[in-house]
Every structure is written in structure tokens, then in C-alpha cells.
Amino acid sequence: MIDASIIAVPKQRNNRDENDLIKAGKTPVGKAGEEAWQKLLRLQESYQRRC
């Protein structure tokens, strides 16, 4: 039996300042989180290439 139920997931919300930073190509998090942010971007890019 397969369970195909749909559940709600939390959505990421950025404020206006964070959106401006993202559009400028900068990270919206502090220096400590910059490496994690870059890793997530690389993962997203590799996923998009496979699709």
C-alpha cells in the first residue's frame, strides 16, 4: 500500500533587505553562514542541471 498524502511544509520568507542582498548576489546571512549558503546554491544548481 502506498501513502500518497499531501502535507503542508513551512515556506521560507525573506524580508525586503534580504531580497535586495540576494538579488545583488550576496548572502543574506552572517559570515558564519556564508559557506552553508554557498553549499546550498551549489546543490540547487547541480539539481537544476539534472532536470
PDB file of N, CA and C in Angstrom:
ATOM      1  N   MET A   1       0.851  -1.175   0.000  1.00  0.00           N
ATOM      2  CA  MET A   1       0.000   0.000   0.000  1.00  0.00           C
ATOM      3  C   MET A   1       0.901   1.245   0.000  1.00  0.00           C
ATOM      4  N   ILE A   2       0.550   2.210  -0.801  1.00  0.00           N
ATOM      5  CA  ILE A   2       1.330   3.439  -0.922  1.00  0.00           C
ATOM      6  C   ILE A   2       0.554   4.586  -0.296  1.00  0.00           C
ATOM      7  N   ASP A   3       1.240   5.349   0.541  1.00  0.00           N
ATOM      8  CA  ASP A   3       0.627   6.510   1.170  1.00  0.00           C
ATOM      9  C   ASP A   3       1.018   7.747   0.369  1.00  0.00           C
ATOM     10  N   ALA A   4       0.069   8.331  -0.320  1.00  0.00           N
ATOM     11  CA  ALA A   4       0.343   9.498  -1.157  1.00  0.00           C
ATOM     12  C   ALA A   4      -0.322  10.747  -0.591  1.00  0.00           C
ATOM     13  N   SER A   5      -0.295  10.880   0.716  1.00  0.00           N
ATOM     14  CA  SER A   5      -0.928  12.041   1.332  1.00  0.00           C
ATOM     15  C   SER A   5      -0.076  13.286   1.115  1.00  0.00           C
ATOM     16  N   ILE A   6      -0.728  14.405   1.017  1.00  0.00           N
ATOM     17  CA  ILE A   6      -0.061  15.695   0.811  1.00  0.00           C
ATOM     18  C   ILE A   6      -0.046  16.434   2.139  1.00  0.00           C
ATOM     19  N   ILE A   7       1.120  16.941   2.510  1.00  0.00           N
ATOM     20  CA  ILE A   7       1.237  17.666   3.767  1.00  0.00           C
ATOM     21  C   ILE A   7       1.761  19.075   3.489  1.00  0.00           C
ATOM     22  N   ALA A   8       1.434  19.984   4.367  1.00  0.00           N
ATOM     23  CA  ALA A   8       1.914  21.362   4.245  1.00  0.00           C
ATOM     24  C   ALA A   8       3.324  21.461   4.817  1.00  0.00           C
ATOM     25  N   VAL A   9       4.172  22.208   4.155  1.00  0.00           N
ATOM     26  CA  VAL A   9       5.532  22.419   4.632  1.00  0.00           C
ATOM     27  C   VAL A   9       5.742  23.909   4.864  1.00  0.00           C
ATOM     28  N   PRO A  10       6.622  24.254   5.793  1.00  0.00           N
ATOM     29  CA  PRO A  10       6.885  25.679   6.027  1.00  0.00           C
ATOM     30  C   PRO A  10       7.556  26.321   4.819  1.00  0.00           C
ATOM     31  N   LYS A  11       7.175  27.533   4.521  1.00  0.00           N
ATOM     32  CA  LYS A  11       7.747  28.262   3.388  1.00  0.00           C
ATOM     33  C   LYS A  11       8.760  29.268   3.900  1.00  0.00           C
ATOM     34  N   GLN A  12       9.842  29.412   3.151  1.00  0.00           N
ATOM     35  CA  GLN A  12      10.863  30.373   3.531  1.00  0.00           C
ATOM     36  C   GLN A  12      10.401  31.766   3.135  1.00  0.00           C
ATOM     37  N   ARG A  13      10.487  32.667   4.054  1.00  0.00           N
ATOM     38  CA  ARG A  13      10.102  34.054   3.790  1.00  0.00           C
ATOM     39  C   ARG A  13      11.302  34.955   4.030  1.00  0.00           C
ATOM     40  N   ASN A  14      11.626  35.775   3.062  1.00  0.00           N
ATOM     41  CA  ASN A  14      12.709  36.746   3.196  1.00  0.00           C
ATOM     42  C   ASN A  14      12.103  38.131   3.317  1.00  0.00           C
ATOM     43  N   ASN A  15      12.747  38.980   4.112  1.00  0.00           N
ATOM     44  CA  ASN A  15      12.276  40.359   4.181  1.00  0.00           C
ATOM     45  C   ASN A  15      12.862  41.139   3.001  1.00  0.00           C
ATOM     46  N   ARG A  16      12.498  42.379   2.857  1.00  0.00           N
ATOM     47  CA  ARG A  16      12.932  43.183   1.697  1.00  0.00           C
ATOM     48  C   ARG A  16      14.447  43.356   1.644  1.00  0.00           C
ATOM     49  N   ASP A  17      15.059  43.551   2.807  1.00  0.00           N
ATOM     50  CA  ASP A  17      16.520  43.722   2.849  1.00  0.00           C
ATOM     51  C   ASP A  17      17.228  42.455   2.369  1.00  0.00           C
ATOM     52  N   GLU A  18      16.732  41.291   2.825  1.00  0.00           N
ATOM     53  CA  GLU A  18      17.327  40.032   2.393  1.00  0.00           C
ATOM     54  C   GLU A  18      17.136  39.820   0.896  1.00  0.00           C
ATOM     55  N   ASN A  19      15.976  40.176   0.367  1.00  0.00           N
ATOM     56  CA  ASN A  19      15.738  40.045  -1.074  1.00  0.00           C
ATOM     57  C   ASN A  19      16.697  40.916  -1.876  1.00  0.00           C
ATOM     58  N   ASP A  20      16.934  42.139  -1.401  1.00  0.00           N
ATOM     59  CA  ASP A  20      17.872  43.028  -2.094  1.00  0.00           C
ATOM     60  C   ASP A  20      19.283  42.443  -2.098  1.00  0.00           C
ATOM     61  N   LEU A  21      19.700  41.860  -0.965  1.00  0.00           N
ATOM     62  CA  LEU A  21      21.020  41.238  -0.893  1.00  0.00           C
ATOM     63  C   LEU A  21      21.128  40.050  -1.846  1.00  0.00           C
ATOM     64  N   ILE A  22      20.090  39.233  -1.896  1.00  0.00           N
ATOM     65  CA  ILE A  22      20.087  38.062  -2.775  1.00  0.00           C
ATOM     66  C   ILE A  22      20.173  38.489  -4.235  1.00  0.00           C
ATOM     67  N   LYS A  23      19.395  39.509  -4.606  1.00  0.00           N
ATOM     68  CA  LYS A  23      19.418  39.993  -5.987  1.00  0.00           C
ATOM     69  C   LYS A  23      20.778  40.580  -6.363  1.00  0.00           C
ATOM     70  N   ALA A  24      21.488  41.109  -5.362  1.00  0.00           N
ATOM     71  CA  ALA A  24      22.818  41.667  -5.606  1.00  0.00           C
ATOM     72  C   ALA A  24      23.888  40.581  -5.630  1.00  0.00           C
ATOM     73  N   GLY A  25      23.482  39.329  -5.385  1.00  0.00           N
ATOM     74  CA  GLY A  25      24.427  38.224  -5.421  1.00  0.00           C
ATOM     75  C   GLY A  25      25.165  37.995  -4.114  1.00  0.00           C
ATOM     76  N   LYS A  26      24.699  38.608  -3.047  1.00  0.00           N
ATOM     77  CA  LYS A  26      25.339  38.450  -1.745  1.00  0.00           C
ATOM     78  C   LYS A  26      24.502  37.530  -0.873  1.00  0.00           C
ATOM     79  N   THR A  27      25.089  37.067   0.225  1.00  0.00           N
ATOM     80  CA  THR A  27      24.370  36.171   1.125  1.00  0.00           C
ATOM     81  C   THR A  27      23.613  36.971   2.176  1.00  0.00           C
ATOM     82  N   PRO A  28      22.394  36.569   2.497  1.00  0.00           N
ATOM     83  CA  PRO A  28      21.615  37.309   3.488  1.00  0.00           C
ATOM     84  C   PRO A  28      21.935  36.914   4.924  1.00  0.00           C
ATOM     85  N   VAL A  29      22.879  36.015   5.122  1.00  0.00           N
ATOM     86  CA  VAL A  29      23.227  35.562   6.463  1.00  0.00           C
ATOM     87  C   VAL A  29      24.595  36.101   6.856  1.00  0.00           C
ATOM     88  N   GLY A  30      24.953  35.942   8.116  1.00  0.00           N
ATOM     89  CA  GLY A  30      26.238  36.422   8.602  1.00  0.00           C
ATOM     90  C   GLY A  30      27.404  35.653   8.015  1.00  0.00           C
ATOM     91  N   LYS A  31      28.599  36.050   8.378  1.00  0.00           N
ATOM     92  CA  LYS A  31      29.827  35.445   7.857  1.00  0.00           C
ATOM     93  C   LYS A  31      29.872  33.943   8.125  1.00  0.00           C
ATOM     94  N   ALA A  32      29.398  33.497   9.288  1.00  0.00           N
ATOM     95  CA  ALA A  32      29.443  32.071   9.642  1.00  0.00           C
ATOM     96  C   ALA A  32      28.541  31.239   8.734  1.00  0.00           C
ATOM     97  N   GLY A  33      27.437  31.808   8.280  1.00  0.00           N
ATOM     98  CA  GLY A  33      26.506  31.061   7.457  1.00  0.00           C
ATOM     99  C   GLY A  33      26.764  31.179   5.968  1.00  0.00           C
ATOM    100  N   GLU A  34      27.770  31.962   5.589  1.00  0.00           N
ATOM    101  CA  GLU A  34      28.047  32.187   4.176  1.00  0.00           C
ATOM    102  C   GLU A  34      28.466  30.902   3.464  1.00  0.00           C
ATOM    103  N   GLU A  35      29.284  30.089   4.106  1.00  0.00           N
ATOM    104  CA  GLU A  35      29.719  28.837   3.485  1.00  0.00           C
ATOM    105  C   GLU A  35      28.539  27.890   3.306  1.00  0.00           C
ATOM    106  N   ALA A  36      27.653  27.828   4.289  1.00  0.00           N
ATOM    107  CA  ALA A  36      26.477  26.967   4.182  1.00  0.00           C
ATOM    108  C   ALA A  36      25.580  27.446   3.047  1.00  0.00           C
ATOM    109  N   TRP A  37      25.438  28.759   2.900  1.00  0.00           N
ATOM    110  CA  TRP A  37      24.616  29.335   1.835  1.00  0.00           C
ATOM    111  C   TRP A  37      25.191  28.967   0.466  1.00  0.00           C
ATOM    112  N   GLN A  38      26.489  29.095   0.311  1.00  0.00           N
ATOM    113  CA  GLN A  38      27.128  28.764  -0.963  1.00  0.00           C
ATOM    114  C   GLN A  38      26.973  27.278  -1.284  1.00  0.00           C
ATOM    115  N   LYS A  39      27.052  26.436  -0.269  1.00  0.00           N
ATOM    116  CA  LYS A  39      26.872  24.991  -0.474  1.00  0.00           C
ATOM    117  C   LYS A  39      25.452  24.713  -0.973  1.00  0.00           C
ATOM    118  N   LEU A  40      24.462  25.375  -0.376  1.00  0.00           N
ATOM    119  CA  LEU A  40      23.082  25.177  -0.819  1.00  0.00           C
ATOM    120  C   LEU A  40      22.886  25.638  -2.260  1.00  0.00           C
ATOM    121  N   LEU A  41      23.519  26.736  -2.633  1.00  0.00           N
ATOM    122  CA  LEU A  41      23.412  27.215  -4.010  1.00  0.00           C
ATOM    123  C   LEU A  41      24.017  26.215  -4.989  1.00  0.00           C
ATOM    124  N   ARG A  42      25.171  25.637  -4.624  1.00  0.00           N
ATOM    125  CA  ARG A  42      25.793  24.635  -5.488  1.00  0.00           C
ATOM    126  C   ARG A  42      24.908  23.404  -5.629  1.00  0.00           C
ATOM    127  N   LEU A  43      24.278  22.974  -4.548  1.00  0.00           N
ATOM    128  CA  LEU A  43      23.379  21.828  -4.609  1.00  0.00           C
ATOM    129  C   LEU A  43      22.182  22.120  -5.509  1.00  0.00           C
ATOM    130  N   GLN A  44      21.633  23.328  -5.395  1.00  0.00           N
ATOM    131  CA  GLN A  44      20.487  23.706  -6.219  1.00  0.00           C
ATOM    132  C   GLN A  44      20.881  23.740  -7.690  1.00  0.00           C
ATOM    133  N   GLU A  45      22.039  24.292  -8.000  1.00  0.00           N
ATOM    134  CA  GLU A  45      22.490  24.362  -9.383  1.00  0.00           C
ATOM    135  C   GLU A  45      22.692  22.969  -9.969  1.00  0.00           C
ATOM    136  N   SER A  46      23.286  22.053  -9.179  1.00  0.00           N
ATOM    137  CA  SER A  46      23.507  20.709  -9.687  1.00  0.00           C
ATOM    138  C   SER A  46      22.179  19.990  -9.898  1.00  0.00           C
ATOM    139  N   TYR A  47      21.217  20.252  -9.034  1.00  0.00           N
ATOM    140  CA  TYR A  47      19.895  19.640  -9.199  1.00  0.00           C
ATOM    141  C   TYR A  47      19.215  20.158 -10.463  1.00  0.00           C
ATOM    142  N   GLN A  48      19.322  21.461 -10.703  1.00  0.00           N
ATOM    143  CA  GLN A  48      18.681  22.054 -11.878  1.00  0.00           C
ATOM    144  C   GLN A  48      19.313  21.555 -13.163  1.00  0.00           C
ATOM    145  N   ARG A  49      20.599  21.253 -13.147  1.00  0.00           N
ATOM    146  CA  ARG A  49      21.259  20.723 -14.345  1.00  0.00           C
ATOM    147  C   ARG A  49      20.753  19.336 -14.676  1.00  0.00           C
ATOM    148  N   ARG A  50      20.392  18.559 -13.652  1.00  0.00           N
ATOM    149  CA  ARG A  50      19.923  17.199 -13.887  1.00  0.00           C
ATOM    150  C   ARG A  50      18.500  17.161 -14.411  1.00  0.00           C
ATOM    151  N   CYS A  51      17.723  18.195 -14.169  1.00  0.00           N
ATOM    152  CA  CYS A  51      16.307  18.202 -14.586  1.00  0.00           C
ATOM    153  C   CYS A  51      16.141  18.597 -16.030  1.00  0.00           C
TER     154      CYS A  51
END
